[in-house]
Amino acid sequence: MSLNDPQWGNRGSENGGGKRPNQGPPDLEEMWRDLNRRLFGKLGRSGGGNDGGGRISRNIDPKFLGGGIGMVVGLVVVLWLASGFYIVDASQRGLVLRFGEYKESTESGLRWRLPYPIESHELVNISGVRTVEVGYRGSERNKVLKEALMLTDDENIINIQFAVQYILKDPVEYIFENRTPDEAVMQAAETAIREIVGKSKMDFVLYEGREQIAVKASELMQQILDRYKTGILISKVTMQNAQPPEQVQAAFDDAVKAGQDRERQKNEGQAYANDVIPKARGTAARLMQEAEAYKQRLVATAEGDASRFKQLQAEYAKAPEVTRNRLYLETMQQVYSNVSKVMIDAKGQGNLLYLPLDKLMQGVTVSGPDSSASNGAPVLPNVSQSQPSSDRSDLRSRDALRSRDREAR
């Protein structure tokens, strides 16, 4: 449908007066004429620029044409210069390139550079934490066996999954020194872990050495990345999972249980040893002390007996008969002090004389101790008249000897 179709823009001619009805789109030709009138009026044109046929006149003044082009060129230049403004966030650094070569780094804020194609810029996030996953993608179930399977020092295969978190410390090196710095981080992480695991035992990797492996891997990765000038700083290495391959998981679980049983039995044996050994040592120390005390007692007793024998020898040299009788009496006193009955064979007779010493001792205890009892000497009963005269003479001689012994003492 053309613009001169009376059914679209000029339906007002049918209604009279050239006015368009309330329905329908506006008249584009009329709008264009109105725009030309206003533009030419501002630029100093006297005429309306409209010929009798309703078309715009093509006779344009060259001065007007040159002024319009100058305005357009100025507007383009202004827009071109304004394209050099850019904003750098607080977490970013701006890198300005002049003809593709690095020129300077800019801090956060509103910045300006020479417009393209003279200069360009790149914004690099330096505070964001980036993560590289090795051995899995997204979840631990999505394993990447090519990266996860590693060989230990004792020739066992284990499956290790870990994540590396890093930030940028030098955006210039990160952008210009390496083509794919994130891929370099992954390769450095895999290299470091394989080197550390290859020098460690399987039990150390799976159990007690996981934290140490993470720390060593972080240090080794940082050394590799610094050597490559990647501008990356490793912040943390997290061990997600470490286990044997699925094909030998059951056998490995049995081996782990056997090791746990061995450790449990060792602990029980150690506990039993800790209970028995101190007791045995205490018993041994007590026996040693008792033996030492017995030794000292015997030595002291022997020394005392030797001293007493020397003293008796000196006394015996002075009065042999008296000393002999005294020793005899003391010996008999010691013998009779431990018995309750004594059998005495009288001289010249075949009859046995019975002395009830237990009854006599009880009588002595009731009546009170006398001098003879205090000395520990046995108490002899009075011999009846029915006894022979020889027995009575023996008793008298013994009493006289005992009295003399007392006087000698």
Protein backbone atom coordinates (compact mmCIF):
# COMPACT_ATOMS: atom_id res chain seq x y z
CA MET A 1 0.00 0.00 0.00
CA SER A 2 1.56 3.34 -1.14
CA LEU A 3 1.71 6.53 0.83
CA ASN A 4 -0.61 8.31 -1.70
CA ASP A 5 -3.34 5.74 -1.23
CA PRO A 6 -6.43 7.68 -0.08
CA GLN A 7 -7.45 4.73 2.08
CA TRP A 8 -4.36 5.03 4.35
CA GLY A 9 -2.96 8.55 4.88
CA ASN A 10 -5.21 10.87 2.77
CA ARG A 11 -8.68 9.69 3.59
CA GLY A 12 -9.42 13.24 4.76
CA SER A 13 -10.05 14.35 1.09
CA GLU A 14 -13.21 12.30 0.99
CA ASN A 15 -14.59 13.87 4.15
CA GLY A 16 -13.81 17.43 2.94
CA GLY A 17 -11.52 20.12 4.32
CA GLY A 18 -8.48 17.85 4.19
CA LYS A 19 -8.97 16.76 7.75
CA ARG A 20 -8.37 13.14 8.65
CA PRO A 21 -10.94 11.32 10.70
CA ASN A 22 -10.38 10.26 14.25
CA GLN A 23 -9.65 6.69 13.15
CA GLY A 24 -6.54 5.57 11.20
CA PRO A 25 -2.77 6.26 11.30
CA PRO A 26 -1.25 9.79 10.93
CA ASP A 27 -0.29 11.30 7.60
CA LEU A 28 3.46 10.74 7.18
CA GLU A 29 3.88 13.20 4.30
CA GLU A 30 2.29 15.97 6.33
CA MET A 31 4.59 15.22 9.24
CA TRP A 32 7.64 15.33 6.95
CA ARG A 33 6.59 18.69 5.47
CA ASP A 34 6.10 20.14 8.94
CA LEU A 35 9.56 18.95 9.98
CA ASN A 36 11.14 20.56 6.92
CA ARG A 37 9.39 23.85 7.53
CA ARG A 38 10.63 24.02 11.11
CA LEU A 39 14.18 23.04 10.13
CA PHE A 40 14.41 25.56 7.27
CA GLY A 41 12.87 28.26 9.47
CA LYS A 42 15.56 27.84 12.04
CA LEU A 43 18.29 27.90 9.41
CA GLY A 44 17.01 31.16 7.84
CA ARG A 45 15.04 29.91 4.84
CA SER A 46 12.27 32.27 3.72
CA GLY A 47 10.24 29.90 1.67
CA GLY A 48 8.43 26.87 2.71
CA GLY A 49 10.41 24.72 0.29
CA ASN A 50 7.25 23.27 -1.19
CA ASP A 51 6.33 23.36 -4.89
CA GLY A 52 2.84 23.38 -6.28
CA GLY A 53 2.71 19.60 -6.50
CA GLY A 54 3.11 19.05 -2.79
CA ARG A 55 6.69 17.81 -3.06
CA ILE A 56 9.78 19.16 -1.32
CA SER A 57 12.01 21.37 -3.41
CA ARG A 58 15.39 19.93 -4.30
CA ASN A 59 17.12 23.33 -4.63
CA ILE A 60 19.17 23.46 -1.42
CA ASP A 61 21.64 26.20 -0.62
CA PRO A 62 25.30 24.91 -0.45
CA LYS A 63 25.97 27.00 2.64
CA PHE A 64 23.11 25.30 4.40
CA LEU A 65 24.40 21.92 3.27
CA GLY A 66 27.92 22.65 4.60
CA GLY A 67 26.59 23.82 7.94
CA GLY A 68 24.51 20.71 8.39
CA ILE A 69 27.39 18.41 7.58
CA GLY A 70 29.60 20.23 10.07
CA MET A 71 27.03 19.77 12.80
CA VAL A 72 26.75 16.11 12.01
CA VAL A 73 30.51 15.68 12.01
CA GLY A 74 30.82 17.51 15.31
CA LEU A 75 28.11 15.38 16.82
CA VAL A 76 29.89 12.23 15.64
CA VAL A 77 33.19 13.44 17.07
CA VAL A 78 31.57 14.18 20.41
CA LEU A 79 30.00 10.74 20.52
CA TRP A 80 33.31 9.16 19.53
CA LEU A 81 35.17 10.94 22.32
CA ALA A 82 32.44 10.05 24.82
CA SER A 83 32.89 6.37 23.97
CA GLY A 84 36.22 6.49 25.81
CA PHE A 85 34.54 6.70 29.22
CA TYR A 86 34.25 3.48 31.19
CA ILE A 87 33.49 2.48 34.82
CA VAL A 88 35.68 0.20 36.95
CA ASP A 89 34.01 -1.48 39.95
CA ALA A 90 35.66 -1.79 43.36
CA SER A 91 36.31 -5.50 42.78
CA GLN A 92 37.87 -4.93 39.35
CA ARG A 93 40.96 -3.56 37.72
CA GLY A 94 40.98 -1.87 34.32
CA LEU A 95 43.70 -2.69 31.79
CA VAL A 96 44.17 -0.05 29.07
CA LEU A 97 45.55 -1.23 25.70
CA ARG A 98 46.95 1.10 23.05
CA PHE A 99 46.85 -0.49 19.61
CA GLY A 100 46.66 -3.89 21.39
CA GLU A 101 49.67 -3.29 23.66
CA TYR A 102 49.32 -2.96 27.44
CA LYS A 103 49.70 0.61 28.62
CA GLU A 104 48.44 0.99 32.20
CA SER A 105 46.16 -0.33 34.96
CA THR A 106 43.35 1.76 36.40
CA GLU A 107 41.68 1.63 39.79
CA SER A 108 37.96 1.67 40.54
CA GLY A 109 35.83 4.64 39.46
CA LEU A 110 34.89 6.52 36.27
CA ARG A 111 37.83 6.44 33.84
CA TRP A 112 38.55 7.75 30.34
CA ARG A 113 40.80 6.51 27.61
CA LEU A 114 41.31 7.37 23.99
CA PRO A 115 38.42 5.97 21.96
CA TYR A 116 38.59 2.89 19.81
CA PRO A 117 40.55 1.97 17.71
CA ILE A 118 43.35 3.91 19.36
CA GLU A 119 42.87 2.49 22.84
CA SER A 120 40.72 -0.20 24.37
CA HIS A 121 40.27 -1.62 27.87
CA GLU A 122 39.58 -4.88 29.66
CA LEU A 123 37.98 -5.29 33.09
CA VAL A 124 39.39 -8.07 35.31
CA ASN A 125 37.76 -9.24 38.56
CA ILE A 126 40.52 -9.56 41.17
CA SER A 127 38.46 -10.21 44.33
CA GLY A 128 36.29 -13.06 43.11
CA VAL A 129 37.24 -16.56 44.24
CA ARG A 130 37.60 -18.99 41.37
CA THR A 131 37.33 -22.76 41.77
CA VAL A 132 38.85 -25.62 39.80
CA GLU A 133 37.60 -29.15 40.36
CA VAL A 134 39.94 -32.08 39.79
CA GLY A 135 38.64 -35.64 39.62
CA TYR A 136 34.94 -34.67 39.45
CA ARG A 137 32.59 -32.08 37.98
CA GLY A 138 29.89 -30.43 40.05
CA SER A 139 29.24 -33.42 42.33
CA GLU A 140 31.38 -36.19 43.75
CA ARG A 141 29.26 -38.72 41.87
CA ASN A 142 30.28 -37.24 38.54
CA LYS A 143 33.77 -38.67 38.65
CA VAL A 144 36.46 -38.07 36.06
CA LEU A 145 38.58 -41.19 36.45
CA LYS A 146 41.29 -39.91 34.13
CA GLU A 147 42.07 -37.19 36.67
CA ALA A 148 41.09 -38.99 39.88
CA LEU A 149 43.01 -42.30 39.69
CA MET A 150 46.53 -42.06 41.11
CA LEU A 151 49.29 -44.50 42.12
CA THR A 152 50.80 -44.44 45.63
CA ASP A 153 54.32 -45.27 46.73
CA ASP A 154 53.33 -48.80 47.81
CA GLU A 155 51.86 -49.47 44.33
CA ASN A 156 48.19 -49.09 45.24
CA ILE A 157 45.62 -47.25 43.13
CA ILE A 158 43.40 -44.71 44.88
CA ASN A 159 40.66 -42.36 43.74
CA ILE A 160 41.20 -38.74 44.84
CA GLN A 161 38.82 -35.83 44.28
CA PHE A 162 39.73 -32.32 45.38
CA ALA A 163 38.94 -28.68 44.67
CA VAL A 164 41.30 -25.72 44.32
CA GLN A 165 40.23 -22.16 45.15
CA TYR A 166 42.31 -19.24 43.91
CA ILE A 167 42.25 -15.48 43.37
CA LEU A 168 44.19 -13.08 41.16
CA LYS A 169 47.17 -11.25 42.55
CA ASP A 170 48.43 -9.73 39.27
CA PRO A 171 45.81 -9.13 36.53
CA VAL A 172 48.47 -8.13 34.00
CA GLU A 173 50.20 -11.51 34.21
CA TYR A 174 46.84 -13.28 34.28
CA ILE A 175 45.74 -11.66 30.99
CA PHE A 176 48.96 -11.30 29.00
CA GLU A 177 51.45 -13.95 30.20
CA ASN A 178 49.31 -17.07 29.66
CA ARG A 179 46.77 -17.98 27.07
CA THR A 180 44.60 -20.20 29.33
CA PRO A 181 45.53 -19.52 32.99
CA ASP A 182 42.55 -21.48 34.39
CA GLU A 183 43.66 -24.56 32.50
CA ALA A 184 47.17 -24.00 33.84
CA VAL A 185 45.76 -24.07 37.38
CA MET A 186 44.09 -27.42 36.76
CA GLN A 187 47.22 -28.95 35.26
CA ALA A 188 49.39 -27.61 38.08
CA ALA A 189 46.96 -28.99 40.68
CA GLU A 190 46.91 -32.45 39.10
CA THR A 191 50.69 -32.47 38.79
CA ALA A 192 51.23 -31.45 42.41
CA ILE A 193 48.79 -34.02 43.81
CA ARG A 194 50.24 -36.84 41.72
CA GLU A 195 53.75 -36.00 42.88
CA ILE A 196 52.77 -35.96 46.56
CA VAL A 197 50.62 -39.10 46.37
CA GLY A 198 53.35 -40.94 44.49
CA LYS A 199 55.70 -40.38 47.42
CA SER A 200 53.20 -41.43 50.13
CA LYS A 201 51.73 -44.68 51.39
CA MET A 202 48.11 -45.57 50.78
CA ASP A 203 47.09 -45.52 54.46
CA PHE A 204 48.70 -42.12 54.88
CA VAL A 205 46.77 -40.70 51.93
CA LEU A 206 43.42 -42.19 52.93
CA TYR A 207 43.46 -41.45 56.64
CA GLU A 208 45.88 -39.42 58.70
CA GLY A 209 47.68 -37.53 55.92
CA ARG A 210 44.83 -35.84 54.08
CA GLU A 211 45.34 -32.42 55.66
CA GLN A 212 49.10 -32.59 55.18
CA ILE A 213 48.67 -33.55 51.53
CA ALA A 214 46.38 -30.56 50.98
CA VAL A 215 48.90 -28.17 52.52
CA LYS A 216 51.84 -29.59 50.56
CA ALA A 217 49.82 -29.53 47.33
CA SER A 218 48.94 -25.87 47.86
CA GLU A 219 52.60 -24.93 48.33
CA LEU A 220 53.77 -26.93 45.31
CA MET A 221 51.00 -25.52 43.08
CA GLN A 222 51.93 -21.97 44.07
CA GLN A 223 55.56 -22.61 43.13
CA ILE A 224 54.54 -23.97 39.73
CA LEU A 225 52.14 -21.09 38.99
CA ASP A 226 54.70 -18.48 40.04
CA ARG A 227 57.21 -20.08 37.70
CA TYR A 228 54.67 -19.80 34.85
CA LYS A 229 53.85 -16.15 35.78
CA THR A 230 50.11 -16.72 35.86
CA GLY A 231 49.37 -14.00 38.41
CA ILE A 232 47.31 -16.46 40.48
CA LEU A 233 47.34 -16.94 44.25
CA ILE A 234 46.17 -20.31 45.63
CA SER A 235 43.90 -19.69 48.61
CA LYS A 236 42.79 -23.22 49.58
CA VAL A 237 42.96 -26.86 48.52
CA THR A 238 40.09 -29.03 49.78
CA MET A 239 40.21 -32.83 49.68
CA GLN A 240 36.66 -33.89 48.80
CA ASN A 241 37.13 -37.65 48.72
CA ALA A 242 39.90 -40.25 48.85
CA GLN A 243 39.10 -43.94 48.49
CA PRO A 244 40.24 -47.06 46.64
CA PRO A 245 38.67 -47.92 43.27
CA GLU A 246 35.17 -49.37 43.27
CA GLN A 247 36.38 -52.71 41.90
CA VAL A 248 38.39 -53.44 45.07
CA GLN A 249 36.25 -51.57 47.58
CA ALA A 250 34.93 -54.75 49.28
CA ALA A 251 38.38 -56.28 49.69
CA PHE A 252 39.72 -52.99 50.94
CA ASP A 253 36.93 -52.77 53.54
CA ASP A 254 37.85 -56.26 54.77
CA ALA A 255 41.49 -55.24 55.03
CA VAL A 256 40.50 -52.11 56.94
CA LYS A 257 38.39 -54.16 59.37
CA ALA A 258 41.27 -56.56 59.90
CA GLY A 259 43.56 -53.65 60.61
CA GLN A 260 41.07 -52.23 63.07
CA ASP A 261 40.82 -55.61 64.82
CA ARG A 262 44.59 -55.76 65.01
CA GLU A 263 44.76 -52.31 66.53
CA ARG A 264 42.01 -53.20 68.99
CA GLN A 265 43.83 -56.34 70.11
CA LYS A 266 47.06 -54.41 70.42
CA ASN A 267 45.31 -51.85 72.56
CA GLU A 268 43.79 -54.56 74.75
CA GLY A 269 47.19 -56.21 75.15
CA GLN A 270 48.76 -52.90 75.98
CA ALA A 271 46.04 -52.22 78.55
CA TYR A 272 46.61 -55.64 80.13
CA ALA A 273 50.36 -55.02 80.17
CA ASN A 274 49.80 -51.62 81.75
CA ASP A 275 47.76 -53.34 84.46
CA VAL A 276 50.04 -56.31 85.13
CA ILE A 277 53.50 -54.84 84.74
CA PRO A 278 53.13 -52.17 87.46
CA LYS A 279 51.79 -54.79 89.85
CA ALA A 280 54.69 -57.13 89.07
CA ARG A 281 57.15 -54.31 89.48
CA GLY A 282 55.56 -53.36 92.79
CA THR A 283 55.72 -56.97 93.99
CA ALA A 284 59.33 -57.24 92.88
CA ALA A 285 60.20 -54.02 94.67
CA ARG A 286 58.45 -55.25 97.83
CA LEU A 287 60.31 -58.57 97.70
CA MET A 288 63.57 -56.75 97.18
CA GLN A 289 62.88 -54.54 100.15
CA GLU A 290 61.89 -57.52 102.28
CA ALA A 291 65.02 -59.38 101.23
CA GLU A 292 67.14 -56.37 102.00
CA ALA A 293 65.47 -56.04 105.41
CA TYR A 294 65.98 -59.77 106.07
CA LYS A 295 69.59 -59.41 105.07
CA GLN A 296 70.11 -56.46 107.36
CA ARG A 297 68.34 -58.29 110.19
CA LEU A 298 70.48 -61.39 109.77
CA VAL A 299 73.64 -59.33 109.55
CA ALA A 300 72.66 -57.39 112.65
CA THR A 301 71.76 -60.61 114.47
CA ALA A 302 75.03 -62.22 113.47
CA GLU A 303 76.97 -59.18 114.55
CA GLY A 304 75.09 -59.15 117.87
CA ASP A 305 75.74 -62.88 118.41
CA ALA A 306 79.40 -62.40 117.61
CA SER A 307 79.63 -59.50 120.04
CA ARG A 308 77.82 -61.51 122.71
CA PHE A 309 80.11 -64.50 122.12
CA LYS A 310 83.18 -62.33 122.52
CA GLN A 311 81.79 -60.97 125.77
CA LEU A 312 81.00 -64.51 126.98
CA GLN A 313 84.46 -65.61 126.04
CA ALA A 314 85.93 -62.86 128.13
CA GLU A 315 83.73 -63.80 131.08
CA TYR A 316 84.46 -67.49 130.61
CA ALA A 317 88.16 -66.76 130.75
CA LYS A 318 87.64 -65.10 134.12
CA ALA A 319 85.33 -67.75 135.74
CA PRO A 320 84.89 -70.87 133.59
CA GLU A 321 82.74 -72.91 136.04
CA VAL A 322 80.33 -70.14 136.85
CA THR A 323 79.95 -69.14 133.25
CA ARG A 324 79.36 -72.75 132.21
CA ASN A 325 76.60 -73.20 134.79
CA ARG A 326 75.01 -69.90 133.83
CA LEU A 327 74.96 -70.86 130.16
CA TYR A 328 73.43 -74.19 131.04
CA LEU A 329 70.70 -72.59 133.09
CA GLU A 330 69.90 -70.02 130.42
CA THR A 331 69.70 -72.74 127.82
CA MET A 332 67.37 -74.81 129.95
CA GLN A 333 65.29 -71.69 130.61
CA GLN A 334 64.87 -71.13 126.92
CA VAL A 335 63.98 -74.79 126.35
CA TYR A 336 61.42 -75.01 129.19
CA SER A 337 59.81 -71.69 128.33
CA ASN A 338 58.26 -73.21 125.18
CA VAL A 339 56.91 -76.48 126.67
CA SER A 340 54.18 -77.25 129.15
CA LYS A 341 55.28 -80.76 130.23
CA VAL A 342 58.68 -82.09 131.28
CA MET A 343 59.70 -85.71 131.86
CA ILE A 344 62.60 -86.16 134.35
CA ASP A 345 64.44 -89.41 134.85
CA ALA A 346 65.50 -89.61 138.51
CA LYS A 347 68.93 -91.02 139.33
CA GLY A 348 69.06 -94.60 140.53
CA GLN A 349 65.34 -95.22 140.04
CA GLY A 350 63.35 -96.48 137.06
CA ASN A 351 60.26 -94.45 137.87
CA LEU A 352 59.46 -91.30 135.86
CA LEU A 353 58.71 -88.09 137.71
CA TYR A 354 55.91 -86.05 136.16
CA LEU A 355 55.98 -82.32 136.72
CA PRO A 356 52.72 -80.53 135.71
CA LEU A 357 54.40 -77.32 134.59
CA ASP A 358 51.22 -76.01 132.98
CA LYS A 359 49.42 -76.20 136.31
CA LEU A 360 52.37 -74.71 138.08
CA MET A 361 52.56 -71.84 135.58
CA GLN A 362 48.88 -71.16 136.02
CA GLY A 363 49.35 -71.13 139.80
CA VAL A 364 52.25 -68.75 139.44
CA THR A 365 50.16 -66.46 137.22
CA VAL A 366 47.35 -66.42 139.79
CA SER A 367 49.62 -65.81 142.81
CA GLY A 368 51.71 -63.16 141.05
CA PRO A 369 55.19 -63.22 139.59
CA ASP A 370 58.12 -63.79 141.86
CA SER A 371 61.79 -63.27 141.30
CA SER A 372 62.24 -66.63 139.69
CA ALA A 373 59.30 -66.18 137.34
CA SER A 374 60.47 -62.72 136.41
CA ASN A 375 63.80 -64.20 135.46
CA GLY A 376 62.05 -66.73 133.25
CA ALA A 377 63.30 -69.74 135.22
CA PRO A 378 60.99 -72.73 135.50
CA VAL A 379 59.31 -73.26 138.85
CA LEU A 380 60.06 -76.63 140.35
CA PRO A 381 57.61 -78.24 142.76
CA ASN A 382 58.36 -79.45 146.21
CA VAL A 383 59.24 -83.07 146.14
CA SER A 384 57.13 -85.26 148.41
CA GLN A 385 58.58 -87.29 151.21
CA SER A 386 57.95 -90.46 149.32
CA GLN A 387 60.74 -89.61 146.94
CA PRO A 388 64.14 -91.20 147.56
CA SER A 389 66.78 -89.35 149.54
CA SER A 390 69.04 -89.22 146.46
CA ASP A 391 66.35 -87.30 144.59
CA ARG A 392 65.97 -84.89 147.48
CA SER A 393 69.73 -84.36 147.62
CA ASP A 394 69.77 -83.64 143.89
CA LEU A 395 67.09 -81.06 144.34
CA ARG A 396 68.97 -79.43 147.18
CA SER A 397 72.16 -79.32 145.13
CA ARG A 398 70.29 -77.73 142.24
CA ASP A 399 68.73 -75.12 144.52
CA ALA A 400 72.11 -74.33 146.04
CA LEU A 401 73.65 -74.06 142.57
CA ARG A 402 70.87 -71.78 141.46
CA SER A 403 71.32 -69.54 144.48
CA ARG A 404 75.02 -69.31 143.88
CA ASP A 405 74.36 -68.46 140.29
CA ARG A 406 72.08 -65.66 141.36
CA GLU A 407 74.71 -64.36 143.78
CA ALA A 408 77.31 -64.46 141.02
CA ARG A 409 75.02 -62.40 138.82
